[in-house]
């Protein structure tokens, strides 16, 4: 009976260690995925900024629609005004 208890405890310890290793592995994988997602978000922001810059360049190149250029400038002015208000508060 004592030997059975000892064997059961050893099995439990072994299972615990296996599960702990698995949890550590999954935690590392999760951290890697989070870093990858963060890098993806940063890339998206960078690409969005590039798109905005290209739209602005196109609007000011004279080849674009004047109404579109005016709308873009108005949007930029609103954004600048919003930033100024945030800085003042």
PDB file of N, CA and C in Angstrom:
ATOM      1  N   UNK A   1       0.815  -1.183   0.000  1.00  0.00           N
ATOM      2  CA  UNK A   1       0.000   0.000   0.000  1.00  0.00           C
ATOM      3  C   UNK A   1       0.867   1.258   0.000  1.00  0.00           C
ATOM      4  N   UNK A   2       1.881   1.280   0.808  1.00  0.00           N
ATOM      5  CA  UNK A   2       2.787   2.424   0.846  1.00  0.00           C
ATOM      6  C   UNK A   2       3.506   2.583  -0.489  1.00  0.00           C
ATOM      7  N   UNK A   3       3.836   1.460  -1.097  1.00  0.00           N
ATOM      8  CA  UNK A   3       4.513   1.489  -2.402  1.00  0.00           C
ATOM      9  C   UNK A   3       3.578   2.050  -3.474  1.00  0.00           C
ATOM     10  N   UNK A   4       2.292   1.720  -3.394  1.00  0.00           N
ATOM     11  CA  UNK A   4       1.306   2.246  -4.350  1.00  0.00           C
ATOM     12  C   UNK A   4       1.175   3.762  -4.219  1.00  0.00           C
ATOM     13  N   UNK A   5       1.163   4.247  -2.989  1.00  0.00           N
ATOM     14  CA  UNK A   5       1.071   5.691  -2.746  1.00  0.00           C
ATOM     15  C   UNK A   5       2.314   6.382  -3.297  1.00  0.00           C
ATOM     16  N   UNK A   6       3.473   5.786  -3.052  1.00  0.00           N
ATOM     17  CA  UNK A   6       4.729   6.353  -3.548  1.00  0.00           C
ATOM     18  C   UNK A   6       4.720   6.402  -5.080  1.00  0.00           C
ATOM     19  N   UNK A   7       4.253   5.344  -5.709  1.00  0.00           N
ATOM     20  CA  UNK A   7       4.174   5.291  -7.175  1.00  0.00           C
ATOM     21  C   UNK A   7       3.202   6.349  -7.700  1.00  0.00           C
ATOM     22  N   UNK A   8       2.073   6.494  -7.027  1.00  0.00           N
ATOM     23  CA  UNK A   8       1.085   7.493  -7.435  1.00  0.00           C
ATOM     24  C   UNK A   8       1.650   8.907  -7.313  1.00  0.00           C
ATOM     25  N   UNK A   9       2.365   9.159  -6.235  1.00  0.00           N
ATOM     26  CA  UNK A   9       2.978  10.477  -6.038  1.00  0.00           C
ATOM     27  C   UNK A   9       4.016  10.746  -7.117  1.00  0.00           C
ATOM     28  N   UNK A  10       4.813   9.750  -7.455  1.00  0.00           N
ATOM     29  CA  UNK A  10       5.818   9.914  -8.508  1.00  0.00           C
ATOM     30  C   UNK A  10       5.154  10.210  -9.853  1.00  0.00           C
ATOM     31  N   UNK A  11       4.041   9.523 -10.129  1.00  0.00           N
ATOM     32  CA  UNK A  11       3.307   9.778 -11.368  1.00  0.00           C
ATOM     33  C   UNK A  11       2.758  11.206 -11.385  1.00  0.00           C
ATOM     34  N   UNK A  12       2.207  11.620 -10.241  1.00  0.00           N
ATOM     35  CA  UNK A  12       1.672  12.975 -10.151  1.00  0.00           C
ATOM     36  C   UNK A  12       2.764  14.021 -10.351  1.00  0.00           C
ATOM     37  N   UNK A  13       3.916  13.792  -9.745  1.00  0.00           N
ATOM     38  CA  UNK A  13       5.040  14.718  -9.905  1.00  0.00           C
ATOM     39  C   UNK A  13       5.479  14.764 -11.364  1.00  0.00           C
ATOM     40  N   UNK A  14       5.543  13.609 -11.985  1.00  0.00           N
ATOM     41  CA  UNK A  14       5.928  13.543 -13.396  1.00  0.00           C
ATOM     42  C   UNK A  14       4.916  14.285 -14.274  1.00  0.00           C
ATOM     43  N   UNK A  15       3.630  14.051 -14.019  1.00  0.00           N
ATOM     44  CA  UNK A  15       2.590  14.753 -14.774  1.00  0.00           C
ATOM     45  C   UNK A  15       2.663  16.261 -14.549  1.00  0.00           C
ATOM     46  N   UNK A  16       2.902  16.652 -13.307  1.00  0.00           N
ATOM     47  CA  UNK A  16       3.027  18.077 -12.988  1.00  0.00           C
ATOM     48  C   UNK A  16       4.180  18.703 -13.767  1.00  0.00           C
ATOM     49  N   UNK A  17       5.324  18.049 -13.763  1.00  0.00           N
ATOM     50  CA  UNK A  17       6.492  18.586 -14.460  1.00  0.00           C
ATOM     51  C   UNK A  17       6.243  18.679 -15.963  1.00  0.00           C
ATOM     52  N   UNK A  18       5.577  17.663 -16.509  1.00  0.00           N
ATOM     53  CA  UNK A  18       5.246  17.681 -17.934  1.00  0.00           C
ATOM     54  C   UNK A  18       4.324  18.854 -18.255  1.00  0.00           C
ATOM     55  N   UNK A  19       3.303  19.024 -17.435  1.00  0.00           N
ATOM     56  CA  UNK A  19       2.357  20.115 -17.672  1.00  0.00           C
ATOM     57  C   UNK A  19       3.002  21.485 -17.453  1.00  0.00           C
ATOM     58  N   UNK A  20       3.908  21.564 -16.496  1.00  0.00           N
ATOM     59  CA  UNK A  20       4.614  22.831 -16.258  1.00  0.00           C
ATOM     60  C   UNK A  20       5.474  23.181 -17.464  1.00  0.00           C
ATOM     61  N   UNK A  21       6.167  22.188 -18.020  1.00  0.00           N
ATOM     62  CA  UNK A  21       6.976  22.433 -19.221  1.00  0.00           C
ATOM     63  C   UNK A  21       6.089  22.867 -20.383  1.00  0.00           C
ATOM     64  N   UNK A  22       4.951  22.219 -20.508  1.00  0.00           N
ATOM     65  CA  UNK A  22       4.017  22.577 -21.586  1.00  0.00           C
ATOM     66  C   UNK A  22       3.507  24.000 -21.393  1.00  0.00           C
ATOM     67  N   UNK A  23       3.169  24.349 -20.157  1.00  0.00           N
ATOM     68  CA  UNK A  23       2.689  25.705 -19.871  1.00  0.00           C
ATOM     69  C   UNK A  23       3.771  26.736 -20.174  1.00  0.00           C
ATOM     70  N   UNK A  24       5.006  26.434 -19.800  1.00  0.00           N
ATOM     71  CA  UNK A  24       6.115  27.350 -20.090  1.00  0.00           C
ATOM     72  C   UNK A  24       6.308  27.509 -21.592  1.00  0.00           C
ATOM     73  N   UNK A  25       6.202  26.397 -22.307  1.00  0.00           N
ATOM     74  CA  UNK A  25       6.343  26.431 -23.763  1.00  0.00           C
ATOM     75  C   UNK A  25       5.230  27.260 -24.397  1.00  0.00           C
ATOM     76  N   UNK A  26       4.007  27.056 -23.930  1.00  0.00           N
ATOM     77  CA  UNK A  26       2.876  27.816 -24.457  1.00  0.00           C
ATOM     78  C   UNK A  26       2.992  29.299 -24.111  1.00  0.00           C
ATOM     79  N   UNK A  27       3.500  29.604 -22.925  1.00  0.00           N
ATOM     80  CA  UNK A  27       3.692  31.004 -22.543  1.00  0.00           C
ATOM     81  C   UNK A  27       4.713  31.674 -23.458  1.00  0.00           C
ATOM     82  N   UNK A  28       5.776  30.958 -23.776  1.00  0.00           N
ATOM     83  CA  UNK A  28       6.787  31.507 -24.688  1.00  0.00           C
ATOM     84  C   UNK A  28       6.200  31.697 -26.087  1.00  0.00           C
ATOM     85  N   UNK A  29       5.405  30.734 -26.524  1.00  0.00           N
ATOM     86  CA  UNK A  29       4.768  30.842 -27.843  1.00  0.00           C
ATOM     87  C   UNK A  29       3.795  32.021 -27.876  1.00  0.00           C
ATOM     88  N   UNK A  30       3.047  32.195 -26.795  1.00  0.00           N
ATOM     89  CA  UNK A  30       2.115  33.315 -26.698  1.00  0.00           C
ATOM     90  C   UNK A  30       2.859  34.642 -26.767  1.00  0.00           C
ATOM     91  N   UNK A  31       3.957  34.735 -26.066  1.00  0.00           N
ATOM     92  CA  UNK A  31       4.760  35.961 -26.070  1.00  0.00           C
ATOM     93  C   UNK A  31       5.286  36.249 -27.474  1.00  0.00           C
ATOM     94  N   UNK A  32       5.716  35.204 -28.173  1.00  0.00           N
ATOM     95  CA  UNK A  32       6.198  35.380 -29.549  1.00  0.00           C
ATOM     96  C   UNK A  32       5.063  35.852 -30.458  1.00  0.00           C
ATOM     97  N   UNK A  33       3.884  35.295 -30.268  1.00  0.00           N
ATOM     98  CA  UNK A  33       2.728  35.708 -31.073  1.00  0.00           C
ATOM     99  C   UNK A  33       2.348  37.155 -30.777  1.00  0.00           C
ATOM    100  N   UNK A  34       2.405  37.530 -29.520  1.00  0.00           N
ATOM    101  CA  UNK A  34       2.101  38.922 -29.164  1.00  0.00           C
ATOM    102  C   UNK A  34       3.098  39.881 -29.808  1.00  0.00           C
ATOM    103  N   UNK A  35       4.361  39.498 -29.793  1.00  0.00           N
ATOM    104  CA  UNK A  35       5.383  40.333 -30.429  1.00  0.00           C
ATOM    105  C   UNK A  35       5.131  40.434 -31.933  1.00  0.00           C
ATOM    106  N   UNK A  36       4.733  39.324 -32.533  1.00  0.00           N
ATOM    107  CA  UNK A  36       4.445  39.321 -33.971  1.00  0.00           C
ATOM    108  C   UNK A  36       3.243  40.207 -34.292  1.00  0.00           C
ATOM    109  N   UNK A  37       2.213  40.135 -33.459  1.00  0.00           N
ATOM    110  CA  UNK A  37       1.035  40.981 -33.650  1.00  0.00           C
ATOM    111  C   UNK A  37       1.419  42.453 -33.508  1.00  0.00           C
ATOM    112  N   UNK A  38       2.224  42.762 -32.504  1.00  0.00           N
ATOM    113  CA  UNK A  38       2.664  44.141 -32.286  1.00  0.00           C
ATOM    114  C   UNK A  38       3.460  44.641 -33.485  1.00  0.00           C
ATOM    115  N   UNK A  39       4.328  43.798 -34.013  1.00  0.00           N
ATOM    116  CA  UNK A  39       5.107  44.178 -35.195  1.00  0.00           C
ATOM    117  C   UNK A  39       4.179  44.391 -36.388  1.00  0.00           C
ATOM    118  N   UNK A  40       3.165  43.554 -36.509  1.00  0.00           N
ATOM    119  CA  UNK A  40       2.189  43.711 -37.589  1.00  0.00           C
ATOM    120  C   UNK A  40       1.414  45.012 -37.474  1.00  0.00           C
ATOM    121  N   UNK A  41       1.017  45.360 -36.247  1.00  0.00           N
ATOM    122  CA  UNK A  41       0.307  46.622 -36.029  1.00  0.00           C
ATOM    123  C   UNK A  41       1.196  47.811 -36.379  1.00  0.00           C
ATOM    124  N   UNK A  42       2.459  47.734 -35.984  1.00  0.00           N
ATOM    125  CA  UNK A  42       3.394  48.814 -36.310  1.00  0.00           C
ATOM    126  C   UNK A  42       3.559  48.933 -37.818  1.00  0.00           C
ATOM    127  N   UNK A  43       3.629  47.800 -38.492  1.00  0.00           N
ATOM    128  CA  UNK A  43       3.770  47.800 -39.959  1.00  0.00           C
ATOM    129  C   UNK A  43       2.536  48.415 -40.609  1.00  0.00           C
ATOM    130  N   UNK A  44       1.360  48.078 -40.088  1.00  0.00           N
ATOM    131  CA  UNK A  44       0.117  48.638 -40.621  1.00  0.00           C
ATOM    132  C   UNK A  44       0.099  50.149 -40.447  1.00  0.00           C
ATOM    133  N   UNK A  45       0.505  50.633 -39.268  1.00  0.00           N
ATOM    134  CA  UNK A  45       0.552  52.077 -39.039  1.00  0.00           C
ATOM    135  C   UNK A  45       1.519  52.746 -40.002  1.00  0.00           C
ATOM    136  N   UNK A  46       2.661  52.117 -40.215  1.00  0.00           N
ATOM    137  CA  UNK A  46       3.649  52.666 -41.136  1.00  0.00           C
ATOM    138  C   UNK A  46       3.083  52.727 -42.552  1.00  0.00           C
ATOM    139  N   UNK A  47       2.431  51.659 -42.965  1.00  0.00           N
ATOM    140  CA  UNK A  47       1.849  51.633 -44.309  1.00  0.00           C
ATOM    141  C   UNK A  47       0.714  52.649 -44.448  1.00  0.00           C
ATOM    142  N   UNK A  48      -0.088  52.808 -43.394  1.00  0.00           N
ATOM    143  CA  UNK A  48      -1.145  53.824 -43.425  1.00  0.00           C
ATOM    144  C   UNK A  48      -0.552  55.221 -43.581  1.00  0.00           C
ATOM    145  N   UNK A  49       0.544  55.480 -42.866  1.00  0.00           N
ATOM    146  CA  UNK A  49       1.208  56.779 -42.986  1.00  0.00           C
ATOM    147  C   UNK A  49       1.749  56.975 -44.398  1.00  0.00           C
ATOM    148  N   UNK A  50       2.307  55.918 -44.968  1.00  0.00           N
ATOM    149  CA  UNK A  50       2.811  56.012 -46.338  1.00  0.00           C
ATOM    150  C   UNK A  50       1.672  56.279 -47.322  1.00  0.00           C
ATOM    151  N   UNK A  51       0.545  55.628 -47.111  1.00  0.00           N
ATOM    152  CA  UNK A  51      -0.617  55.852 -47.976  1.00  0.00           C
ATOM    153  C   UNK A  51      -1.069  57.300 -47.872  1.00  0.00           C
ATOM    154  N   UNK A  52      -1.153  57.817 -46.638  1.00  0.00           N
ATOM    155  CA  UNK A  52      -1.550  59.212 -46.450  1.00  0.00           C
ATOM    156  C   UNK A  52      -0.579  60.157 -47.150  1.00  0.00           C
ATOM    157  N   UNK A  53       0.711  59.875 -47.025  1.00  0.00           N
ATOM    158  CA  UNK A  53       1.708  60.723 -47.682  1.00  0.00           C
ATOM    159  C   UNK A  53       1.560  60.678 -49.195  1.00  0.00           C
ATOM    160  N   UNK A  54       1.333  59.487 -49.732  1.00  0.00           N
ATOM    161  CA  UNK A  54       1.156  59.368 -51.180  1.00  0.00           C
ATOM    162  C   UNK A  54      -0.105  60.088 -51.651  1.00  0.00           C
ATOM    163  N   UNK A  55      -1.172  59.985 -50.873  1.00  0.00           N
ATOM    164  CA  UNK A  55      -2.398  60.700 -51.226  1.00  0.00           C
ATOM    165  C   UNK A  55      -2.164  62.201 -51.209  1.00  0.00           C
ATOM    166  N   UNK A  56      -1.425  62.659 -50.203  1.00  0.00           N
ATOM    167  CA  UNK A  56      -1.125  64.084 -50.099  1.00  0.00           C
ATOM    168  C   UNK A  56      -0.257  64.535 -51.268  1.00  0.00           C
ATOM    169  N   UNK A  57       0.741  63.742 -51.608  1.00  0.00           N
ATOM    170  CA  UNK A  57       1.597  64.079 -52.749  1.00  0.00           C
ATOM    171  C   UNK A  57       0.779  64.132 -54.030  1.00  0.00           C
ATOM    172  N   UNK A  58      -0.108  63.174 -54.187  1.00  0.00           N
ATOM    173  CA  UNK A  58      -0.942  63.133 -55.386  1.00  0.00           C
ATOM    174  C   UNK A  58      -1.871  64.345 -55.429  1.00  0.00           C
ATOM    175  N   UNK A  59      -2.423  64.698 -54.262  1.00  0.00           N
ATOM    176  CA  UNK A  59      -3.346  65.830 -54.205  1.00  0.00           C
ATOM    177  C   UNK A  59      -2.639  67.134 -54.559  1.00  0.00           C
ATOM    178  N   UNK A  60      -1.377  67.276 -54.154  1.00  0.00           N
ATOM    179  CA  UNK A  60      -0.644  68.509 -54.426  1.00  0.00           C
ATOM    180  C   UNK A  60       0.091  68.484 -55.763  1.00  0.00           C
ATOM    181  N   UNK A  61       0.075  67.365 -56.432  1.00  0.00           N
ATOM    182  CA  UNK A  61       0.810  67.276 -57.695  1.00  0.00           C
ATOM    183  C   UNK A  61       0.079  67.979 -58.835  1.00  0.00           C
ATOM    184  N   UNK A  62      -1.159  68.317 -58.621  1.00  0.00           N
ATOM    185  CA  UNK A  62      -1.917  68.987 -59.658  1.00  0.00           C
ATOM    186  C   UNK A  62      -2.660  68.021 -60.551  1.00  0.00           C
ATOM    187  N   UNK A  63      -2.309  66.760 -60.493  1.00  0.00           N
ATOM    188  CA  UNK A  63      -2.973  65.769 -61.332  1.00  0.00           C
ATOM    189  C   UNK A  63      -4.267  65.286 -60.696  1.00  0.00           C
ATOM    190  N   UNK A  64      -4.422  65.565 -59.403  1.00  0.00           N
ATOM    191  CA  UNK A  64      -5.586  65.065 -58.691  1.00  0.00           C
ATOM    192  C   UNK A  64      -6.769  66.006 -58.778  1.00  0.00           C
ATOM    193  N   UNK A  65      -7.839  65.586 -58.194  1.00  0.00           N
ATOM    194  CA  UNK A  65      -9.072  66.356 -58.146  1.00  0.00           C
ATOM    195  C   UNK A  65      -8.908  67.488 -57.131  1.00  0.00           C
ATOM    196  N   UNK A  66      -9.171  68.733 -57.507  1.00  0.00           N
ATOM    197  CA  UNK A  66      -9.028  69.855 -56.565  1.00  0.00           C
ATOM    198  C   UNK A  66      -9.934  69.716 -55.342  1.00  0.00           C
ATOM    199  N   UNK A  67     -11.116  69.177 -55.532  1.00  0.00           N
ATOM    200  CA  UNK A  67     -12.029  68.991 -54.396  1.00  0.00           C
ATOM    201  C   UNK A  67     -11.448  67.991 -53.408  1.00  0.00           C
ATOM    202  N   UNK A  68     -10.806  66.959 -53.925  1.00  0.00           N
ATOM    203  CA  UNK A  68     -10.171  65.962 -53.055  1.00  0.00           C
ATOM    204  C   UNK A  68      -9.015  66.588 -52.281  1.00  0.00           C
ATOM    205  N   UNK A  69      -8.231  67.426 -52.952  1.00  0.00           N
ATOM    206  CA  UNK A  69      -7.115  68.100 -52.282  1.00  0.00           C
ATOM    207  C   UNK A  69      -7.631  69.011 -51.184  1.00  0.00           C
ATOM    208  N   UNK A  70      -8.704  69.739 -51.470  1.00  0.00           N
ATOM    209  CA  UNK A  70      -9.281  70.639 -50.468  1.00  0.00           C
ATOM    210  C   UNK A  70      -9.806  69.845 -49.273  1.00  0.00           C
ATOM    211  N   UNK A  71     -10.460  68.731 -49.545  1.00  0.00           N
ATOM    212  CA  UNK A  71     -10.989  67.893 -48.465  1.00  0.00           C
ATOM    213  C   UNK A  71      -9.856  67.344 -47.606  1.00  0.00           C
ATOM    214  N   UNK A  72      -8.784  66.951 -48.239  1.00  0.00           N
ATOM    215  CA  UNK A  72      -7.626  66.413 -47.501  1.00  0.00           C
ATOM    216  C   UNK A  72      -6.997  67.494 -46.631  1.00  0.00           C
ATOM    217  N   UNK A  73      -6.851  68.687 -47.178  1.00  0.00           N
ATOM    218  CA  UNK A  73      -6.275  69.798 -46.405  1.00  0.00           C
ATOM    219  C   UNK A  73      -7.183  70.141 -45.233  1.00  0.00           C
ATOM    220  N   UNK A  74      -8.485  70.159 -45.467  1.00  0.00           N
ATOM    221  CA  UNK A  74      -9.438  70.436 -44.391  1.00  0.00           C
ATOM    222  C   UNK A  74      -9.326  69.387 -43.290  1.00  0.00           C
ATOM    223  N   UNK A  75      -9.192  68.135 -43.680  1.00  0.00           N
ATOM    224  CA  UNK A  75      -9.037  67.057 -42.696  1.00  0.00           C
ATOM    225  C   UNK A  75      -7.753  67.247 -41.891  1.00  0.00           C
ATOM    226  N   UNK A  76      -6.667  67.612 -42.559  1.00  0.00           N
ATOM    227  CA  UNK A  76      -5.399  67.844 -41.857  1.00  0.00           C
ATOM    228  C   UNK A  76      -5.515  69.015 -40.890  1.00  0.00           C
ATOM    229  N   UNK A  77      -6.198  70.072 -41.300  1.00  0.00           N
ATOM    230  CA  UNK A  77      -6.376  71.233 -40.419  1.00  0.00           C
ATOM    231  C   UNK A  77      -7.179  70.842 -39.186  1.00  0.00           C
ATOM    232  N   UNK A  78      -8.243  70.058 -39.379  1.00  0.00           N
ATOM    233  CA  UNK A  78      -9.034  69.588 -38.225  1.00  0.00           C
ATOM    234  C   UNK A  78      -8.179  68.749 -37.281  1.00  0.00           C
ATOM    235  N   UNK A  79      -7.351  67.898 -37.843  1.00  0.00           N
ATOM    236  CA  UNK A  79      -6.483  67.057 -37.019  1.00  0.00           C
ATOM    237  C   UNK A  79      -5.472  67.909 -36.250  1.00  0.00           C
ATOM    238  N   UNK A  80      -4.916  68.906 -36.897  1.00  0.00           N
ATOM    239  CA  UNK A  80      -3.971  69.813 -36.222  1.00  0.00           C
ATOM    240  C   UNK A  80      -4.682  70.570 -35.113  1.00  0.00           C
ATOM    241  N   UNK A  81      -5.889  71.072 -35.393  1.00  0.00           N
ATOM    242  CA  UNK A  81      -6.662  71.774 -34.364  1.00  0.00           C
ATOM    243  C   UNK A  81      -6.951  70.869 -33.172  1.00  0.00           C
ATOM    244  N   UNK A  82      -7.280  69.613 -33.447  1.00  0.00           N
ATOM    245  CA  UNK A  82      -7.548  68.654 -32.363  1.00  0.00           C
ATOM    246  C   UNK A  82      -6.298  68.447 -31.519  1.00  0.00           C
ATOM    247  N   UNK A  83      -5.155  68.335 -32.175  1.00  0.00           N
ATOM    248  CA  UNK A  83      -3.897  68.148 -31.446  1.00  0.00           C
ATOM    249  C   UNK A  83      -3.574  69.368 -30.584  1.00  0.00           C
ATOM    250  N   UNK A  84      -3.826  70.548 -31.118  1.00  0.00           N
ATOM    251  CA  UNK A  84      -3.573  71.776 -30.347  1.00  0.00           C
ATOM    252  C   UNK A  84      -4.463  71.809 -29.117  1.00  0.00           C
ATOM    253  N   UNK A  85      -5.737  71.442 -29.278  1.00  0.00           N
ATOM    254  CA  UNK A  85      -6.651  71.409 -28.133  1.00  0.00           C
ATOM    255  C   UNK A  85      -6.184  70.412 -27.080  1.00  0.00           C
ATOM    256  N   UNK A  86      -5.683  69.271 -27.525  1.00  0.00           N
ATOM    257  CA  UNK A  86      -5.174  68.276 -26.575  1.00  0.00           C
ATOM    258  C   UNK A  86      -3.953  68.803 -25.832  1.00  0.00           C
ATOM    259  N   UNK A  87      -3.111  69.537 -26.522  1.00  0.00           N
ATOM    260  CA  UNK A  87      -1.924  70.098 -25.876  1.00  0.00           C
ATOM    261  C   UNK A  87      -2.294  71.191 -24.881  1.00  0.00           C
ATOM    262  N   UNK A  88      -3.334  71.948 -25.179  1.00  0.00           N
ATOM    263  CA  UNK A  88      -3.759  73.027 -24.291  1.00  0.00           C
ATOM    264  C   UNK A  88      -4.413  72.508 -23.020  1.00  0.00           C
ATOM    265  N   UNK A  89      -5.034  71.339 -23.094  1.00  0.00           N
ATOM    266  CA  UNK A  89      -5.738  70.826 -21.909  1.00  0.00           C
ATOM    267  C   UNK A  89      -4.838  70.057 -20.988  1.00  0.00           C
TER     268      UNK A  89
END
